[in-house]
Amino acid sequence: MCNVYEPATEQYLRSEWRDCEDALRPYKDRIGPRDDGPFITAKRIVVGQWGMIRPGSPTRIQRAKPKKEGRLGEILMTNNARTDRMTTAPTYRDAWRNGQRCLIPAISYDEPYYPDGVNNIWWRFRRADGGPWMLAGLWSEWTDHATGEVVPNFTMLTMNCDAHPLLKQFHKPERDKERNVLPADKQDKRTVVPIECADWDLWLNGNTDDALSLIQLPALAVFAHGAVDPDKQVEIPIKAA
């Protein structure tokens, strides 16, 4: 999963994509959940909330059912959508069924690395070719019934990466109820879904089977990566599946 990334610049979007809106809303140079960021649909480029809003939701922020009466439920994180649940989860299934797929342009994205299983080193992933990532996503529009405002929103897809020699080493190890680290075959490490340039149009305009065929683990050679803080740089052993 991914909770922070650096979006492609407005200058890049305007120079490389024709269907850029005349006035893109400003967005930050580092984007976290529920921040505004740019995404590319089959018809246009738009800036919207990174975090899908469930159709029919009365509010922009999704919450779980509260455990105790009179309290607010936990905020649900909808900036990532699991590919194995995107067809059934109420927040994402309509967008998937309607072909509302998007590309999320990112210069880099960050993931946590736990070399000792406890302490975290933030790790940054860029493309080895120097270009931006185009990460697979879904998008929608939500209308605030109180104000009439139409809020574009999007989510970043994630897939299992237990078979990837590099990506499977990120995120905190999953543990059982007794806090013991689960064996490798019981872990469920997740990663974002990069779409290569030759497949951008197919992802945006192809049918469901076309889109599913593009959800694949990226080649190791695609990555340039390292610690966000150079003083914390360590060697990451590449482990075969």
C-alpha atoms as a PDB file:
ATOM      1  CA  MET A   1       0.000   0.000   0.000  1.00  0.00           C
ATOM      2  CA  CYS A   2       1.019   3.616  -0.332  1.00  0.00           C
ATOM      3  CA  ASN A   3       0.187   6.554   1.925  1.00  0.00           C
ATOM      4  CA  VAL A   4       2.487   9.259   0.570  1.00  0.00           C
ATOM      5  CA  TYR A   5       3.734  10.128  -2.892  1.00  0.00           C
ATOM      6  CA  GLU A   6       5.146  12.990  -4.933  1.00  0.00           C
ATOM      7  CA  PRO A   7       2.821  13.894  -7.804  1.00  0.00           C
ATOM      8  CA  ALA A   8       3.954  14.826 -11.285  1.00  0.00           C
ATOM      9  CA  THR A   9       4.146  18.580 -11.750  1.00  0.00           C
ATOM     10  CA  GLU A  10       1.508  20.664 -13.460  1.00  0.00           C
ATOM     11  CA  GLN A  11       4.170  21.616 -16.020  1.00  0.00           C
ATOM     12  CA  TYR A  12       4.672  17.948 -16.931  1.00  0.00           C
ATOM     13  CA  LEU A  13       0.947  17.329 -17.224  1.00  0.00           C
ATOM     14  CA  ARG A  14       0.406  20.320 -19.465  1.00  0.00           C
ATOM     15  CA  SER A  15       3.376  19.457 -21.676  1.00  0.00           C
ATOM     16  CA  GLU A  16       2.656  15.735 -22.072  1.00  0.00           C
ATOM     17  CA  TRP A  17      -1.151  15.490 -21.993  1.00  0.00           C
ATOM     18  CA  ARG A  18      -3.525  17.385 -24.250  1.00  0.00           C
ATOM     19  CA  ASP A  19      -6.662  17.048 -22.175  1.00  0.00           C
ATOM     20  CA  CYS A  20      -5.409  19.080 -19.246  1.00  0.00           C
ATOM     21  CA  GLU A  21      -8.061  21.368 -17.764  1.00  0.00           C
ATOM     22  CA  ASP A  22      -7.458  25.076 -18.310  1.00  0.00           C
ATOM     23  CA  ALA A  23      -7.242  25.710 -14.579  1.00  0.00           C
ATOM     24  CA  LEU A  24      -6.023  22.749 -12.556  1.00  0.00           C
ATOM     25  CA  ARG A  25      -6.585  23.332  -8.871  1.00  0.00           C
ATOM     26  CA  PRO A  26      -3.372  23.673  -6.845  1.00  0.00           C
ATOM     27  CA  TYR A  27      -2.028  20.572  -5.137  1.00  0.00           C
ATOM     28  CA  LYS A  28       0.804  19.850  -2.743  1.00  0.00           C
ATOM     29  CA  ASP A  29       4.228  18.547  -3.745  1.00  0.00           C
ATOM     30  CA  ARG A  30       3.812  15.670  -1.269  1.00  0.00           C
ATOM     31  CA  ILE A  31       0.397  14.051  -1.126  1.00  0.00           C
ATOM     32  CA  GLY A  32      -1.126  12.047   1.720  1.00  0.00           C
ATOM     33  CA  PRO A  33      -4.581  10.536   2.292  1.00  0.00           C
ATOM     34  CA  ARG A  34      -7.468  12.948   1.614  1.00  0.00           C
ATOM     35  CA  ASP A  35      -5.141  15.539   0.057  1.00  0.00           C
ATOM     36  CA  ASP A  36      -5.950  16.753  -3.448  1.00  0.00           C
ATOM     37  CA  GLY A  37      -3.903  15.323  -6.295  1.00  0.00           C
ATOM     38  CA  PRO A  38      -4.061  14.988 -10.095  1.00  0.00           C
ATOM     39  CA  PHE A  39      -5.330  11.914 -11.882  1.00  0.00           C
ATOM     40  CA  ILE A  40      -5.849  11.083 -15.549  1.00  0.00           C
ATOM     41  CA  THR A  41      -9.098   9.569 -16.848  1.00  0.00           C
ATOM     42  CA  ALA A  42      -9.997   8.447 -20.360  1.00  0.00           C
ATOM     43  CA  LYS A  43     -11.302  11.957 -21.100  1.00  0.00           C
ATOM     44  CA  ARG A  44      -9.438  14.488 -18.994  1.00  0.00           C
ATOM     45  CA  ILE A  45      -6.982  15.346 -16.246  1.00  0.00           C
ATOM     46  CA  VAL A  46      -8.524  16.529 -13.017  1.00  0.00           C
ATOM     47  CA  VAL A  47      -7.507  17.249  -9.434  1.00  0.00           C
ATOM     48  CA  GLY A  48      -9.466  15.482  -6.719  1.00  0.00           C
ATOM     49  CA  GLN A  49      -9.374  13.925  -3.261  1.00  0.00           C
ATOM     50  CA  TRP A  50      -7.011  10.973  -2.773  1.00  0.00           C
ATOM     51  CA  GLY A  51      -9.472   8.748  -0.988  1.00  0.00           C
ATOM     52  CA  MET A  52     -12.589   7.302  -2.612  1.00  0.00           C
ATOM     53  CA  ILE A  53     -15.948   8.363  -1.242  1.00  0.00           C
ATOM     54  CA  ARG A  54     -18.536   5.612  -1.051  1.00  0.00           C
ATOM     55  CA  PRO A  55     -21.524   6.267  -3.345  1.00  0.00           C
ATOM     56  CA  GLY A  56     -24.403   7.642  -1.313  1.00  0.00           C
ATOM     57  CA  SER A  57     -22.198   8.549   1.643  1.00  0.00           C
ATOM     58  CA  PRO A  58     -23.486  11.595   3.579  1.00  0.00           C
ATOM     59  CA  THR A  59     -19.929  12.815   4.234  1.00  0.00           C
ATOM     60  CA  ARG A  60     -16.576  12.923   2.463  1.00  0.00           C
ATOM     61  CA  ILE A  61     -14.839  11.031   5.268  1.00  0.00           C
ATOM     62  CA  GLN A  62     -15.688   7.341   5.633  1.00  0.00           C
ATOM     63  CA  ARG A  63     -15.999   5.906   9.131  1.00  0.00           C
ATOM     64  CA  ALA A  64     -16.408   2.397  10.469  1.00  0.00           C
ATOM     65  CA  LYS A  65     -19.367   1.546  12.662  1.00  0.00           C
ATOM     66  CA  PRO A  66     -18.533   2.835  16.182  1.00  0.00           C
ATOM     67  CA  LYS A  67     -17.739   0.213  18.793  1.00  0.00           C
ATOM     68  CA  LYS A  68     -19.555   2.203  21.475  1.00  0.00           C
ATOM     69  CA  GLU A  69     -22.732   4.222  21.191  1.00  0.00           C
ATOM     70  CA  GLY A  70     -22.186   7.962  21.107  1.00  0.00           C
ATOM     71  CA  ARG A  71     -18.670   7.767  19.708  1.00  0.00           C
ATOM     72  CA  LEU A  72     -17.366   8.296  16.213  1.00  0.00           C
ATOM     73  CA  GLY A  73     -16.188   5.225  14.364  1.00  0.00           C
ATOM     74  CA  GLU A  74     -12.617   4.877  13.155  1.00  0.00           C
ATOM     75  CA  ILE A  75     -11.819   6.752   9.935  1.00  0.00           C
ATOM     76  CA  LEU A  76     -11.534   4.293   7.054  1.00  0.00           C
ATOM     77  CA  MET A  77      -8.566   4.650   4.725  1.00  0.00           C
ATOM     78  CA  THR A  78      -9.839   4.564   1.149  1.00  0.00           C
ATOM     79  CA  ASN A  79      -6.802   5.967  -0.666  1.00  0.00           C
ATOM     80  CA  ASN A  80      -5.765   2.363  -1.453  1.00  0.00           C
ATOM     81  CA  ALA A  81      -8.044  -0.324  -2.893  1.00  0.00           C
ATOM     82  CA  ARG A  82      -7.083  -3.971  -2.923  1.00  0.00           C
ATOM     83  CA  THR A  83      -7.403  -5.485  -6.384  1.00  0.00           C
ATOM     84  CA  ASP A  84      -8.931  -8.616  -4.855  1.00  0.00           C
ATOM     85  CA  ARG A  85     -11.749  -6.553  -3.295  1.00  0.00           C
ATOM     86  CA  MET A  86     -12.299  -3.743  -5.794  1.00  0.00           C
ATOM     87  CA  THR A  87     -15.059  -5.676  -7.571  1.00  0.00           C
ATOM     88  CA  THR A  88     -17.130  -6.232  -4.415  1.00  0.00           C
ATOM     89  CA  ALA A  89     -16.356  -3.493  -1.866  1.00  0.00           C
ATOM     90  CA  PRO A  90     -19.178  -0.879  -1.853  1.00  0.00           C
ATOM     91  CA  THR A  91     -16.741   2.034  -2.098  1.00  0.00           C
ATOM     92  CA  TYR A  92     -15.043   0.790  -5.281  1.00  0.00           C
ATOM     93  CA  ARG A  93     -17.289  -1.695  -7.107  1.00  0.00           C
ATOM     94  CA  ASP A  94     -19.381   0.821  -9.069  1.00  0.00           C
ATOM     95  CA  ALA A  95     -16.277   2.600 -10.354  1.00  0.00           C
ATOM     96  CA  TRP A  96     -14.755  -0.708 -11.425  1.00  0.00           C
ATOM     97  CA  ARG A  97     -17.975  -1.914 -13.046  1.00  0.00           C
ATOM     98  CA  ASN A  98     -18.361   1.374 -14.935  1.00  0.00           C
ATOM     99  CA  GLY A  99     -14.794   1.366 -16.240  1.00  0.00           C
ATOM    100  CA  GLN A 100     -13.831   4.462 -14.236  1.00  0.00           C
ATOM    101  CA  ARG A 101     -10.140   3.643 -14.265  1.00  0.00           C
ATOM    102  CA  CYS A 102      -7.452   6.288 -13.985  1.00  0.00           C
ATOM    103  CA  LEU A 103      -3.710   6.819 -14.014  1.00  0.00           C
ATOM    104  CA  ILE A 104      -2.072   8.560 -11.064  1.00  0.00           C
ATOM    105  CA  PRO A 105       1.087  10.404 -12.152  1.00  0.00           C
ATOM    106  CA  ALA A 106       3.793  10.168  -9.491  1.00  0.00           C
ATOM    107  CA  ILE A 107       7.445  11.153  -9.534  1.00  0.00           C
ATOM    108  CA  SER A 108       8.042   8.897  -6.530  1.00  0.00           C
ATOM    109  CA  TYR A 109       6.259   7.067  -3.742  1.00  0.00           C
ATOM    110  CA  ASP A 110       7.381   6.048  -0.252  1.00  0.00           C
ATOM    111  CA  GLU A 111       7.048   2.783   1.661  1.00  0.00           C
ATOM    112  CA  PRO A 112       8.274   1.714   5.129  1.00  0.00           C
ATOM    113  CA  TYR A 113      11.174  -0.719   5.425  1.00  0.00           C
ATOM    114  CA  TYR A 114      11.697  -2.616   8.694  1.00  0.00           C
ATOM    115  CA  PRO A 115      15.197  -4.154   8.586  1.00  0.00           C
ATOM    116  CA  ASP A 116      14.869  -5.501  12.139  1.00  0.00           C
ATOM    117  CA  GLY A 117      11.102  -6.025  12.051  1.00  0.00           C
ATOM    118  CA  VAL A 118      10.558  -3.171  14.520  1.00  0.00           C
ATOM    119  CA  ASN A 119      12.209   0.091  13.431  1.00  0.00           C
ATOM    120  CA  ASN A 120      11.134   1.819  10.259  1.00  0.00           C
ATOM    121  CA  ILE A 121      13.255   3.387   7.511  1.00  0.00           C
ATOM    122  CA  TRP A 122      11.247   5.304   4.926  1.00  0.00           C
ATOM    123  CA  TRP A 123      12.175   4.150   1.443  1.00  0.00           C
ATOM    124  CA  ARG A 124      11.574   6.031  -1.810  1.00  0.00           C
ATOM    125  CA  PHE A 125      10.818   4.462  -5.177  1.00  0.00           C
ATOM    126  CA  ARG A 126      11.467   6.229  -8.483  1.00  0.00           C
ATOM    127  CA  ARG A 127      11.625   4.939 -12.017  1.00  0.00           C
ATOM    128  CA  ALA A 128      15.061   3.953 -13.252  1.00  0.00           C
ATOM    129  CA  ASP A 129      14.360   5.678 -16.597  1.00  0.00           C
ATOM    130  CA  GLY A 130      13.762   9.032 -14.859  1.00  0.00           C
ATOM    131  CA  GLY A 131      10.139   9.307 -15.956  1.00  0.00           C
ATOM    132  CA  PRO A 132       7.090   9.470 -13.689  1.00  0.00           C
ATOM    133  CA  TRP A 133       5.168   6.443 -12.544  1.00  0.00           C
ATOM    134  CA  MET A 134       1.650   6.050 -13.866  1.00  0.00           C
ATOM    135  CA  LEU A 135      -0.083   4.141 -11.098  1.00  0.00           C
ATOM    136  CA  ALA A 136      -3.361   2.315 -11.633  1.00  0.00           C
ATOM    137  CA  GLY A 137      -6.400   3.737  -9.887  1.00  0.00           C
ATOM    138  CA  LEU A 138     -10.166   4.127  -9.853  1.00  0.00           C
ATOM    139  CA  TRP A 139     -12.028   7.423  -9.747  1.00  0.00           C
ATOM    140  CA  SER A 140     -15.494   8.754  -9.027  1.00  0.00           C
ATOM    141  CA  GLU A 141     -17.437  11.921  -8.296  1.00  0.00           C
ATOM    142  CA  TRP A 142     -19.391  12.585  -5.120  1.00  0.00           C
ATOM    143  CA  THR A 143     -21.944  15.324  -4.591  1.00  0.00           C
ATOM    144  CA  ASP A 144     -22.205  17.105  -1.257  1.00  0.00           C
ATOM    145  CA  HIS A 145     -25.964  17.310  -0.752  1.00  0.00           C
ATOM    146  CA  ALA A 146     -25.597  20.200   1.677  1.00  0.00           C
ATOM    147  CA  THR A 147     -23.691  22.474  -0.710  1.00  0.00           C
ATOM    148  CA  GLY A 148     -24.093  20.911  -4.154  1.00  0.00           C
ATOM    149  CA  GLU A 149     -20.308  20.725  -4.564  1.00  0.00           C
ATOM    150  CA  VAL A 150     -19.126  17.939  -6.859  1.00  0.00           C
ATOM    151  CA  VAL A 151     -15.988  16.334  -5.424  1.00  0.00           C
ATOM    152  CA  PRO A 152     -13.772  14.272  -7.772  1.00  0.00           C
ATOM    153  CA  ASN A 153     -12.052  11.496  -5.828  1.00  0.00           C
ATOM    154  CA  PHE A 154      -9.739   8.586  -6.550  1.00  0.00           C
ATOM    155  CA  THR A 155      -8.014   5.569  -5.066  1.00  0.00           C
ATOM    156  CA  MET A 156      -4.719   3.814  -5.830  1.00  0.00           C
ATOM    157  CA  LEU A 157      -4.920   0.080  -6.514  1.00  0.00           C
ATOM    158  CA  THR A 158      -2.694  -2.359  -4.638  1.00  0.00           C
ATOM    159  CA  MET A 159      -1.860  -5.999  -5.314  1.00  0.00           C
ATOM    160  CA  ASN A 160      -0.137  -8.782  -3.430  1.00  0.00           C
ATOM    161  CA  CYS A 161       3.653  -8.713  -3.928  1.00  0.00           C
ATOM    162  CA  ASP A 162       4.794 -11.742  -1.911  1.00  0.00           C
ATOM    163  CA  ALA A 163       6.455 -13.092  -5.071  1.00  0.00           C
ATOM    164  CA  HIS A 164       8.476  -9.942  -5.814  1.00  0.00           C
ATOM    165  CA  PRO A 165      12.142 -10.135  -4.706  1.00  0.00           C
ATOM    166  CA  LEU A 166      12.299  -6.446  -3.709  1.00  0.00           C
ATOM    167  CA  LEU A 167       8.795  -5.252  -2.883  1.00  0.00           C
ATOM    168  CA  LYS A 168       7.893  -8.136  -0.585  1.00  0.00           C
ATOM    169  CA  GLN A 169      10.448  -6.844   1.920  1.00  0.00           C
ATOM    170  CA  PHE A 170       8.534  -3.664   2.722  1.00  0.00           C
ATOM    171  CA  HIS A 171       5.890  -2.866   5.334  1.00  0.00           C
ATOM    172  CA  LYS A 172       5.816  -4.117   8.887  1.00  0.00           C
ATOM    173  CA  PRO A 173       5.793  -7.922   9.201  1.00  0.00           C
ATOM    174  CA  GLU A 174       2.339  -9.285   9.957  1.00  0.00           C
ATOM    175  CA  ARG A 175       1.946 -11.061  13.290  1.00  0.00           C
ATOM    176  CA  ASP A 176      -0.504 -13.496  14.842  1.00  0.00           C
ATOM    177  CA  LYS A 177      -2.581 -12.872  17.973  1.00  0.00           C
ATOM    178  CA  GLU A 178       0.391 -13.804  20.149  1.00  0.00           C
ATOM    179  CA  ARG A 179       2.505 -11.180  18.317  1.00  0.00           C
ATOM    180  CA  ASN A 180       4.661 -13.790  16.596  1.00  0.00           C
ATOM    181  CA  VAL A 181       5.777 -12.937  13.053  1.00  0.00           C
ATOM    182  CA  LEU A 182       3.809 -14.978  10.546  1.00  0.00           C
ATOM    183  CA  PRO A 183       5.792 -17.185   8.148  1.00  0.00           C
ATOM    184  CA  ALA A 184       6.494 -15.883   4.648  1.00  0.00           C
ATOM    185  CA  ASP A 185       3.643 -17.878   3.086  1.00  0.00           C
ATOM    186  CA  LYS A 186       1.181 -16.260   5.511  1.00  0.00           C
ATOM    187  CA  GLN A 187       2.250 -12.658   4.903  1.00  0.00           C
ATOM    188  CA  ASP A 188       0.218 -10.438   2.561  1.00  0.00           C
ATOM    189  CA  LYS A 189       2.555  -7.696   1.417  1.00  0.00           C
ATOM    190  CA  ARG A 190       0.984  -5.108  -0.903  1.00  0.00           C
ATOM    191  CA  THR A 191       2.307  -2.826  -3.606  1.00  0.00           C
ATOM    192  CA  VAL A 192       0.946  -0.266  -6.034  1.00  0.00           C
ATOM    193  CA  VAL A 193       0.280  -1.191  -9.689  1.00  0.00           C
ATOM    194  CA  PRO A 194       2.469   0.644 -12.233  1.00  0.00           C
ATOM    195  CA  ILE A 195       1.143   0.821 -15.793  1.00  0.00           C
ATOM    196  CA  GLU A 196       3.784   1.080 -18.517  1.00  0.00           C
ATOM    197  CA  CYS A 197       3.574   3.711 -21.264  1.00  0.00           C
ATOM    198  CA  ALA A 198       2.581   1.233 -23.988  1.00  0.00           C
ATOM    199  CA  ASP A 199      -0.429   0.184 -21.889  1.00  0.00           C
ATOM    200  CA  TRP A 200      -1.783   3.549 -20.751  1.00  0.00           C
ATOM    201  CA  ASP A 201      -4.526   3.665 -23.379  1.00  0.00           C
ATOM    202  CA  LEU A 202      -5.502   0.032 -22.761  1.00  0.00           C
ATOM    203  CA  TRP A 203      -5.846   0.678 -19.030  1.00  0.00           C
ATOM    204  CA  LEU A 204      -8.001   3.763 -19.573  1.00  0.00           C
ATOM    205  CA  ASN A 205     -10.097   2.572 -22.516  1.00  0.00           C
ATOM    206  CA  GLY A 206      -9.914  -1.221 -22.664  1.00  0.00           C
ATOM    207  CA  ASN A 207     -12.505  -3.635 -21.342  1.00  0.00           C
ATOM    208  CA  THR A 208     -12.434  -5.314 -17.942  1.00  0.00           C
ATOM    209  CA  ASP A 209     -10.369  -8.277 -19.146  1.00  0.00           C
ATOM    210  CA  ASP A 210      -7.855  -5.894 -20.717  1.00  0.00           C
ATOM    211  CA  ALA A 211      -7.506  -4.012 -17.446  1.00  0.00           C
ATOM    212  CA  LEU A 212      -7.118  -7.167 -15.368  1.00  0.00           C
ATOM    213  CA  SER A 213      -4.342  -8.380 -17.672  1.00  0.00           C
ATOM    214  CA  LEU A 214      -2.296  -5.271 -16.785  1.00  0.00           C
ATOM    215  CA  ILE A 215      -2.344  -5.885 -13.031  1.00  0.00           C
ATOM    216  CA  GLN A 216       1.086  -7.490 -12.828  1.00  0.00           C
ATOM    217  CA  LEU A 217       4.132  -7.204 -10.616  1.00  0.00           C
ATOM    218  CA  PRO A 218       6.658  -4.773 -12.139  1.00  0.00           C
ATOM    219  CA  ALA A 219      10.086  -5.898 -13.306  1.00  0.00           C
ATOM    220  CA  LEU A 220      12.921  -5.351 -10.862  1.00  0.00           C
ATOM    221  CA  ALA A 221      14.826  -3.328 -13.481  1.00  0.00           C
ATOM    222  CA  VAL A 222      12.124  -0.631 -13.474  1.00  0.00           C
ATOM    223  CA  PHE A 223      13.109   0.581  -9.997  1.00  0.00           C
ATOM    224  CA  ALA A 224      15.535   3.164  -8.681  1.00  0.00           C
ATOM    225  CA  HIS A 225      15.191   3.241  -4.902  1.00  0.00           C
ATOM    226  CA  GLY A 226      16.837   4.283  -1.671  1.00  0.00           C
ATOM    227  CA  ALA A 227      16.277   5.637   1.819  1.00  0.00           C
ATOM    228  CA  VAL A 228      14.488   8.980   2.005  1.00  0.00           C
ATOM    229  CA  ASP A 229      17.100  10.062   4.574  1.00  0.00           C
ATOM    230  CA  PRO A 230      20.549   9.339   3.040  1.00  0.00           C
ATOM    231  CA  ASP A 231      21.994   8.902   6.543  1.00  0.00           C
ATOM    232  CA  LYS A 232      19.748   5.849   6.983  1.00  0.00           C
ATOM    233  CA  GLN A 233      20.714   4.176   3.727  1.00  0.00           C
ATOM    234  CA  VAL A 234      21.179   0.418   4.093  1.00  0.00           C
ATOM    235  CA  GLU A 235      21.682  -2.451   1.686  1.00  0.00           C
ATOM    236  CA  ILE A 236      18.502  -4.365   0.919  1.00  0.00           C
ATOM    237  CA  PRO A 237      19.183  -7.957  -0.100  1.00  0.00           C
ATOM    238  CA  ILE A 238      17.192  -9.037  -3.138  1.00  0.00           C
ATOM    239  CA  LYS A 239      15.388 -12.218  -2.161  1.00  0.00           C
ATOM    240  CA  ALA A 240      14.040 -14.642  -4.722  1.00  0.00           C
ATOM    241  CA  ALA A 241      10.445 -15.774  -4.278  1.00  0.00           C
END
